[in-house]
Every structure is written in C-alpha cells, then in structure tokens.
Amino acid sequence: MSEASLRRDIVKWGRSLFERGLTAGSSGNISVKLDDGFLVTPTNSCLGFLEPERLSKLDAAGSLISGDPPTKELPLHFAFYEVRPTAKAVVHLHSTHATALSCLADVDQEDAIPPITPYVVMRVGKVPVVPYTRPGAPDVAPLIRAKAGEHPAILLGNHGPVVAGISLDAAVFAMEELEETARLVLLTRGMKVRLLSPEAIADLNATFRLK
C-alpha cells in the first residue's frame, strides 16, 4: 500500500474512532510502519480532525522528517514494533470500558479480558496490564517489551488500551473487539459468567493464530 493511501487510512480510522466516542478530545494516537520509517499522529491532535499532509513522518530511527511534531507516546509504539516483527500498526485509545478495566485494583494483571466470546480470543488474546507510567515517559518501553512479544494488546495501568496489528485495519478491529468485550465484562461483573472452555480456546488459537 502506498504512503498516500496509508495517510488517508489513518485519517479515515481516526475520524471513525473519534465519532464513535472511542477516544475523546486530543487523546489517543495511531502509528503505521513504513518500509523506511513511520507515520504517526501528531502531538495534541484530535483523531477526528487529522489532515493527511500534517501527519508526522519519522525515519527508521524515529527522527521527524516532515509534518507536525509526533505524539509524545512514541515510546509505547516503538516498543511494540521492536518485539513484534509482524506489527505494521499500533493504536492507542482512551476508550471508556477498557480504560475503566485498567483502573480496577482487582483485575487480573495477566489477563484483564476473560475469554467470554470467541472473537476476543481470535482477535485480541490475553490482555495483561502493565503498571502506570506518566503518558509519554520512556519508562513505559521496557514494560511493553516484556509483554508485547506474546500479547498484541495491553492495558496501560490507569491509562487505557494499546493494540498492535499486522495492518492498520487489523489493529483497529482488534481495538474495537477489546473495547466491546471490556464493556461486556463490566456489564456482567458480579454475575456468574460462563467462560469459554480451555478446549474451545485451544481450538480457536489453533484455527485463528494471532500474528
């Protein structure tokens, strides 16, 4: 896919995510890996009002080549790319239900999203929670690197979800599935929930291997 097409897709998905209330104000950021660098949403930009020509273009080392200054949360994006060779896009949002889960003291830190539907297993897998770090702080990077090799989706403690995918479409779809499942988890909290069996999970993992 050409760089021009990727720019248009970032703008398209940013607007869609914003208009559906999946991230508010100037929160959230998107990156896409190019053959020679990265396209990233600018710092303090609203995902609903991005402009293709103003997206930040970075070289392979992360230095700005053109466009506006990039999001301050580059460390978490780069950490995913470093340990997930298949990752071509990373999406970070402050979506309501996934962020709520990231704030709960009693959530399972190794798997905050229980396997209650097949699609969360197929598209998201287990979702660990990493400890809180200041947004944009470089100390998030080792926390991400420690988990992202095995997990394409992570909850940042008291902050929100971040998801990597083999394409921008795949990352967005996984993010949407994570948020919807987080909503179901909170809706059924305190109820007796029937989880998918280990056999069903193994079958899904064998059939729909996450990349």
C-alpha atoms as a PDB file:
ATOM      1  CA  MET A   1       0.000   0.000   0.000  1.00  0.00           C
ATOM      2  CA  SER A   2       1.310   3.458  -0.906  1.00  0.00           C
ATOM      3  CA  GLU A   3       2.192   6.067   1.693  1.00  0.00           C
ATOM      4  CA  ALA A   4      -0.579   8.303   0.372  1.00  0.00           C
ATOM      5  CA  SER A   5      -3.118   5.504   0.911  1.00  0.00           C
ATOM      6  CA  LEU A   6      -1.848   4.873   4.429  1.00  0.00           C
ATOM      7  CA  ARG A   7      -2.155   8.564   5.240  1.00  0.00           C
ATOM      8  CA  ARG A   8      -5.761   8.531   4.071  1.00  0.00           C
ATOM      9  CA  ASP A   9      -6.463   5.392   6.100  1.00  0.00           C
ATOM     10  CA  ILE A  10      -5.058   6.919   9.290  1.00  0.00           C
ATOM     11  CA  VAL A  11      -7.313   9.950   8.799  1.00  0.00           C
ATOM     12  CA  LYS A  12     -10.323   7.722   7.980  1.00  0.00           C
ATOM     13  CA  TRP A  13      -9.924   5.476  11.006  1.00  0.00           C
ATOM     14  CA  GLY A  14      -9.060   8.362  13.313  1.00  0.00           C
ATOM     15  CA  ARG A  15     -12.287  10.123  12.372  1.00  0.00           C
ATOM     16  CA  SER A  16     -14.298   6.906  12.749  1.00  0.00           C
ATOM     17  CA  LEU A  17     -12.896   6.139  16.206  1.00  0.00           C
ATOM     18  CA  PHE A  18     -13.481   9.701  17.382  1.00  0.00           C
ATOM     19  CA  GLU A  19     -17.015   9.982  16.004  1.00  0.00           C
ATOM     20  CA  ARG A  20     -17.997   6.730  17.714  1.00  0.00           C
ATOM     21  CA  GLY A  21     -16.755   8.004  21.063  1.00  0.00           C
ATOM     22  CA  LEU A  22     -13.862   5.561  21.351  1.00  0.00           C
ATOM     23  CA  THR A  23     -11.447   8.339  22.263  1.00  0.00           C
ATOM     24  CA  ALA A  24     -12.141  11.924  23.263  1.00  0.00           C
ATOM     25  CA  GLY A  25     -10.574  15.335  22.778  1.00  0.00           C
ATOM     26  CA  SER A  26      -6.913  15.105  21.803  1.00  0.00           C
ATOM     27  CA  SER A  27      -6.458  11.675  23.388  1.00  0.00           C
ATOM     28  CA  GLY A  28      -5.303   8.589  21.519  1.00  0.00           C
ATOM     29  CA  ASN A  29      -2.690   8.074  18.838  1.00  0.00           C
ATOM     30  CA  ILE A  30      -2.035   5.903  15.803  1.00  0.00           C
ATOM     31  CA  SER A  31       1.157   4.805  14.090  1.00  0.00           C
ATOM     32  CA  VAL A  32       1.857   2.831  10.923  1.00  0.00           C
ATOM     33  CA  LYS A  33       5.176   1.258   9.984  1.00  0.00           C
ATOM     34  CA  LEU A  34       6.584   2.118   6.548  1.00  0.00           C
ATOM     35  CA  ASP A  35       9.414   0.439   4.683  1.00  0.00           C
ATOM     36  CA  ASP A  36      11.672   3.355   5.615  1.00  0.00           C
ATOM     37  CA  GLY A  37      10.137   4.707   8.819  1.00  0.00           C
ATOM     38  CA  PHE A  38       6.779   5.510  10.378  1.00  0.00           C
ATOM     39  CA  LEU A  39       3.655   7.641  10.012  1.00  0.00           C
ATOM     40  CA  VAL A  40       2.341   8.876  13.359  1.00  0.00           C
ATOM     41  CA  THR A  41      -0.478  11.121  14.513  1.00  0.00           C
ATOM     42  CA  PRO A  42       0.808  14.492  15.752  1.00  0.00           C
ATOM     43  CA  THR A  43       1.002  15.530  19.377  1.00  0.00           C
ATOM     44  CA  ASN A  44      -2.110  17.199  20.824  1.00  0.00           C
ATOM     45  CA  SER A  45      -4.116  16.344  17.711  1.00  0.00           C
ATOM     46  CA  CYS A  46      -7.728  15.179  17.744  1.00  0.00           C
ATOM     47  CA  LEU A  47      -8.193  11.900  15.905  1.00  0.00           C
ATOM     48  CA  GLY A  48     -11.431  13.243  14.456  1.00  0.00           C
ATOM     49  CA  PHE A  49      -9.764  16.136  12.631  1.00  0.00           C
ATOM     50  CA  LEU A  50      -6.498  14.790  11.239  1.00  0.00           C
ATOM     51  CA  GLU A  51      -5.065  16.053   7.950  1.00  0.00           C
ATOM     52  CA  PRO A  52      -3.049  13.654   5.736  1.00  0.00           C
ATOM     53  CA  GLU A  53      -0.280  16.129   4.959  1.00  0.00           C
ATOM     54  CA  ARG A  54       0.210  17.087   8.612  1.00  0.00           C
ATOM     55  CA  LEU A  55       0.787  13.553   9.896  1.00  0.00           C
ATOM     56  CA  SER A  56       4.258  13.101  11.370  1.00  0.00           C
ATOM     57  CA  LYS A  57       6.637  11.167   9.145  1.00  0.00           C
ATOM     58  CA  LEU A  58       9.598   9.679  11.004  1.00  0.00           C
ATOM     59  CA  ASP A  59      12.671   7.907   9.739  1.00  0.00           C
ATOM     60  CA  ALA A  60      13.585   4.416  10.959  1.00  0.00           C
ATOM     61  CA  ALA A  61      15.400   5.930  13.960  1.00  0.00           C
ATOM     62  CA  GLY A  62      12.341   7.937  14.991  1.00  0.00           C
ATOM     63  CA  SER A  63      13.537  11.367  13.863  1.00  0.00           C
ATOM     64  CA  LEU A  64      10.976  13.740  12.354  1.00  0.00           C
ATOM     65  CA  ILE A  65      11.263  14.101   8.581  1.00  0.00           C
ATOM     66  CA  SER A  66       8.105  16.035   7.774  1.00  0.00           C
ATOM     67  CA  GLY A  67       4.730  17.054   9.184  1.00  0.00           C
ATOM     68  CA  ASP A  68       3.841  18.217  12.675  1.00  0.00           C
ATOM     69  CA  PRO A  69       5.705  17.049  15.803  1.00  0.00           C
ATOM     70  CA  PRO A  70       4.673  13.469  16.677  1.00  0.00           C
ATOM     71  CA  THR A  71       2.712  12.178  19.649  1.00  0.00           C
ATOM     72  CA  LYS A  72       4.639  12.154  22.904  1.00  0.00           C
ATOM     73  CA  GLU A  73       3.713   8.480  23.308  1.00  0.00           C
ATOM     74  CA  LEU A  74       6.198   7.213  20.747  1.00  0.00           C
ATOM     75  CA  PRO A  75       7.964   5.006  23.345  1.00  0.00           C
ATOM     76  CA  LEU A  76       4.996   2.657  23.670  1.00  0.00           C
ATOM     77  CA  HIS A  77       4.571   2.438  19.885  1.00  0.00           C
ATOM     78  CA  PHE A  78       8.244   1.720  19.224  1.00  0.00           C
ATOM     79  CA  ALA A  79       8.319  -0.893  21.998  1.00  0.00           C
ATOM     80  CA  PHE A  80       5.647  -2.890  20.172  1.00  0.00           C
ATOM     81  CA  TYR A  81       7.486  -2.679  16.846  1.00  0.00           C
ATOM     82  CA  GLU A  82      10.741  -3.763  18.499  1.00  0.00           C
ATOM     83  CA  VAL A  83       9.380  -7.074  19.787  1.00  0.00           C
ATOM     84  CA  ARG A  84       6.598  -7.839  17.291  1.00  0.00           C
ATOM     85  CA  PRO A  85       8.145  -8.254  13.814  1.00  0.00           C
ATOM     86  CA  THR A  86       4.694  -8.739  12.290  1.00  0.00           C
ATOM     87  CA  ALA A  87       3.347  -5.438  13.663  1.00  0.00           C
ATOM     88  CA  LYS A  88       2.572  -2.868  10.975  1.00  0.00           C
ATOM     89  CA  ALA A  89       0.344  -0.575  13.027  1.00  0.00           C
ATOM     90  CA  VAL A  90      -0.255   0.392  16.663  1.00  0.00           C
ATOM     91  CA  VAL A  91      -3.411   2.036  18.022  1.00  0.00           C
ATOM     92  CA  HIS A  92      -3.696   3.566  21.496  1.00  0.00           C
ATOM     93  CA  LEU A  93      -7.020   4.950  22.724  1.00  0.00           C
ATOM     94  CA  HIS A  94      -8.684   6.080  25.938  1.00  0.00           C
ATOM     95  CA  SER A  95     -11.864   4.110  25.211  1.00  0.00           C
ATOM     96  CA  THR A  96     -14.233   4.142  28.173  1.00  0.00           C
ATOM     97  CA  HIS A  97     -14.663   0.498  29.149  1.00  0.00           C
ATOM     98  CA  ALA A  98     -11.130  -0.735  28.501  1.00  0.00           C
ATOM     99  CA  THR A  99      -9.770   2.274  30.371  1.00  0.00           C
ATOM    100  CA  ALA A 100     -12.149   1.531  33.253  1.00  0.00           C
ATOM    101  CA  LEU A 101     -10.739  -2.002  33.462  1.00  0.00           C
ATOM    102  CA  SER A 102      -7.212  -0.568  33.528  1.00  0.00           C
ATOM    103  CA  CYS A 103      -8.178   1.345  36.691  1.00  0.00           C
ATOM    104  CA  LEU A 104      -9.610  -1.584  38.678  1.00  0.00           C
ATOM    105  CA  ALA A 105      -7.435  -2.778  41.543  1.00  0.00           C
ATOM    106  CA  ASP A 106      -8.753  -6.358  41.440  1.00  0.00           C
ATOM    107  CA  VAL A 107      -8.484  -7.028  37.704  1.00  0.00           C
ATOM    108  CA  ASP A 108      -6.274  -9.967  36.679  1.00  0.00           C
ATOM    109  CA  GLN A 109      -2.956  -8.333  35.797  1.00  0.00           C
ATOM    110  CA  GLU A 110      -2.069 -11.192  33.438  1.00  0.00           C
ATOM    111  CA  ASP A 111      -5.420 -11.336  31.648  1.00  0.00           C
ATOM    112  CA  ALA A 112      -7.772  -8.429  32.200  1.00  0.00           C
ATOM    113  CA  ILE A 113     -10.214  -9.564  29.490  1.00  0.00           C
ATOM    114  CA  PRO A 114     -11.676 -13.003  30.321  1.00  0.00           C
ATOM    115  CA  PRO A 115     -12.428 -15.324  27.367  1.00  0.00           C
ATOM    116  CA  ILE A 116     -16.184 -14.771  27.278  1.00  0.00           C
ATOM    117  CA  THR A 117     -16.560 -14.636  23.487  1.00  0.00           C
ATOM    118  CA  PRO A 118     -14.715 -16.373  20.653  1.00  0.00           C
ATOM    119  CA  TYR A 119     -13.833 -13.107  18.943  1.00  0.00           C
ATOM    120  CA  VAL A 120     -11.856 -11.713  21.849  1.00  0.00           C
ATOM    121  CA  VAL A 121      -9.742 -14.882  21.762  1.00  0.00           C
ATOM    122  CA  MET A 122      -9.379 -14.736  17.966  1.00  0.00           C
ATOM    123  CA  ARG A 123      -8.561 -11.048  17.604  1.00  0.00           C
ATOM    124  CA  VAL A 124      -7.126  -9.994  20.956  1.00  0.00           C
ATOM    125  CA  GLY A 125      -5.953 -12.929  23.062  1.00  0.00           C
ATOM    126  CA  LYS A 126      -4.907 -12.471  26.671  1.00  0.00           C
ATOM    127  CA  VAL A 127      -4.580  -8.823  27.703  1.00  0.00           C
ATOM    128  CA  PRO A 128      -2.088  -8.115  30.504  1.00  0.00           C
ATOM    129  CA  VAL A 129      -1.994  -4.877  32.488  1.00  0.00           C
ATOM    130  CA  VAL A 130       1.298  -3.022  32.913  1.00  0.00           C
ATOM    131  CA  PRO A 131       1.901  -0.606  35.815  1.00  0.00           C
ATOM    132  CA  TYR A 132       1.063   3.063  35.476  1.00  0.00           C
ATOM    133  CA  THR A 133       3.654   5.363  33.942  1.00  0.00           C
ATOM    134  CA  ARG A 134       3.336   9.027  33.069  1.00  0.00           C
ATOM    135  CA  PRO A 135       1.978   9.411  29.499  1.00  0.00           C
ATOM    136  CA  GLY A 136       4.924   9.751  27.141  1.00  0.00           C
ATOM    137  CA  ALA A 137       7.517   8.679  29.705  1.00  0.00           C
ATOM    138  CA  PRO A 138      10.216   6.392  28.281  1.00  0.00           C
ATOM    139  CA  ASP A 139       9.938   4.016  31.238  1.00  0.00           C
ATOM    140  CA  VAL A 140       6.828   2.501  29.637  1.00  0.00           C
ATOM    141  CA  ALA A 141       9.017   0.923  26.931  1.00  0.00           C
ATOM    142  CA  PRO A 142      10.562  -1.933  28.983  1.00  0.00           C
ATOM    143  CA  LEU A 143       7.141  -2.718  30.454  1.00  0.00           C
ATOM    144  CA  ILE A 144       5.689  -3.050  26.956  1.00  0.00           C
ATOM    145  CA  ARG A 145       8.648  -5.018  25.619  1.00  0.00           C
ATOM    146  CA  ALA A 146       8.283  -7.528  28.456  1.00  0.00           C
ATOM    147  CA  LYS A 147       4.706  -8.349  27.388  1.00  0.00           C
ATOM    148  CA  ALA A 148       4.207  -7.421  23.736  1.00  0.00           C
ATOM    149  CA  GLY A 149       6.159 -10.346  22.298  1.00  0.00           C
ATOM    150  CA  GLU A 150       3.355 -12.674  23.423  1.00  0.00           C
ATOM    151  CA  HIS A 151       0.468 -10.208  23.579  1.00  0.00           C
ATOM    152  CA  PRO A 152      -0.682  -7.887  20.750  1.00  0.00           C
ATOM    153  CA  ALA A 153      -2.942  -6.000  23.178  1.00  0.00           C
ATOM    154  CA  ILE A 154      -2.013  -4.472  26.529  1.00  0.00           C
ATOM    155  CA  LEU A 155      -3.777  -2.285  29.069  1.00  0.00           C
ATOM    156  CA  LEU A 156      -1.698   0.585  30.412  1.00  0.00           C
ATOM    157  CA  GLY A 157      -2.495   0.894  34.110  1.00  0.00           C
ATOM    158  CA  ASN A 158      -4.908   3.787  34.833  1.00  0.00           C
ATOM    159  CA  HIS A 159      -4.474   4.925  31.245  1.00  0.00           C
ATOM    160  CA  GLY A 160      -6.056   2.775  28.541  1.00  0.00           C
ATOM    161  CA  PRO A 161      -5.586   0.137  25.839  1.00  0.00           C
ATOM    162  CA  VAL A 162      -2.911  -0.202  23.160  1.00  0.00           C
ATOM    163  CA  VAL A 163      -3.075  -2.756  20.344  1.00  0.00           C
ATOM    164  CA  ALA A 164      -0.717  -3.807  17.554  1.00  0.00           C
ATOM    165  CA  GLY A 165      -1.799  -5.450  14.309  1.00  0.00           C
ATOM    166  CA  ILE A 166      -0.473  -6.818  11.037  1.00  0.00           C
ATOM    167  CA  SER A 167      -2.209  -3.867   9.349  1.00  0.00           C
ATOM    168  CA  LEU A 168      -3.973  -0.711  10.437  1.00  0.00           C
ATOM    169  CA  ASP A 169      -7.344  -2.332   9.750  1.00  0.00           C
ATOM    170  CA  ALA A 170      -6.400  -5.342  11.883  1.00  0.00           C
ATOM    171  CA  ALA A 171      -5.219  -3.153  14.770  1.00  0.00           C
ATOM    172  CA  VAL A 172      -8.429  -1.109  14.707  1.00  0.00           C
ATOM    173  CA  PHE A 173     -10.647  -4.204  14.540  1.00  0.00           C
ATOM    174  CA  ALA A 174      -8.798  -5.740  17.493  1.00  0.00           C
ATOM    175  CA  MET A 175      -9.126  -2.490  19.443  1.00  0.00           C
ATOM    176  CA  GLU A 176     -12.857  -2.405  18.766  1.00  0.00           C
ATOM    177  CA  GLU A 177     -13.192  -6.018  19.913  1.00  0.00           C
ATOM    178  CA  LEU A 178     -11.207  -5.282  23.085  1.00  0.00           C
ATOM    179  CA  GLU A 179     -13.409  -2.310  23.938  1.00  0.00           C
ATOM    180  CA  GLU A 180     -16.647  -4.182  23.261  1.00  0.00           C
ATOM    181  CA  THR A 181     -15.534  -7.151  25.364  1.00  0.00           C
ATOM    182  CA  ALA A 182     -14.436  -4.829  28.164  1.00  0.00           C
ATOM    183  CA  ARG A 183     -17.954  -3.401  28.107  1.00  0.00           C
ATOM    184  CA  LEU A 184     -19.427  -6.904  28.383  1.00  0.00           C
ATOM    185  CA  VAL A 185     -17.040  -7.740  31.224  1.00  0.00           C
ATOM    186  CA  LEU A 186     -18.150  -4.684  33.188  1.00  0.00           C
ATOM    187  CA  LEU A 187     -21.842  -5.304  32.415  1.00  0.00           C
ATOM    188  CA  THR A 188     -21.587  -8.859  33.768  1.00  0.00           C
ATOM    189  CA  ARG A 189     -19.300  -8.019  36.695  1.00  0.00           C
ATOM    190  CA  GLY A 190     -20.625  -9.740  39.822  1.00  0.00           C
ATOM    191  CA  MET A 191     -22.674 -12.205  37.782  1.00  0.00           C
ATOM    192  CA  LYS A 192     -21.907 -15.882  37.253  1.00  0.00           C
ATOM    193  CA  VAL A 193     -20.326 -15.840  33.807  1.00  0.00           C
ATOM    194  CA  ARG A 194     -19.763 -18.920  31.639  1.00  0.00           C
ATOM    195  CA  LEU A 195     -16.249 -18.642  30.163  1.00  0.00           C
ATOM    196  CA  LEU A 196     -15.125 -20.473  27.058  1.00  0.00           C
ATOM    197  CA  SER A 197     -13.616 -23.832  27.950  1.00  0.00           C
ATOM    198  CA  PRO A 198      -9.866 -24.471  27.644  1.00  0.00           C
ATOM    199  CA  GLU A 199     -10.664 -26.845  24.783  1.00  0.00           C
ATOM    200  CA  ALA A 200     -12.633 -24.157  22.926  1.00  0.00           C
ATOM    201  CA  ILE A 201      -9.831 -21.632  23.472  1.00  0.00           C
ATOM    202  CA  ALA A 202      -7.221 -24.089  22.211  1.00  0.00           C
ATOM    203  CA  ASP A 203      -9.323 -24.758  19.107  1.00  0.00           C
ATOM    204  CA  LEU A 204      -9.672 -21.021  18.413  1.00  0.00           C
ATOM    205  CA  ASN A 205      -5.947 -20.445  18.929  1.00  0.00           C
ATOM    206  CA  ALA A 206      -5.100 -23.296  16.568  1.00  0.00           C
ATOM    207  CA  THR A 207      -7.545 -22.102  13.908  1.00  0.00           C
ATOM    208  CA  PHE A 208      -7.096 -18.336  14.181  1.00  0.00           C
ATOM    209  CA  ARG A 209      -3.488 -17.804  15.220  1.00  0.00           C
ATOM    210  CA  LEU A 210      -2.774 -14.232  16.326  1.00  0.00           C
ATOM    211  CA  LYS A 211       0.098 -12.500  14.494  1.00  0.00           C
END
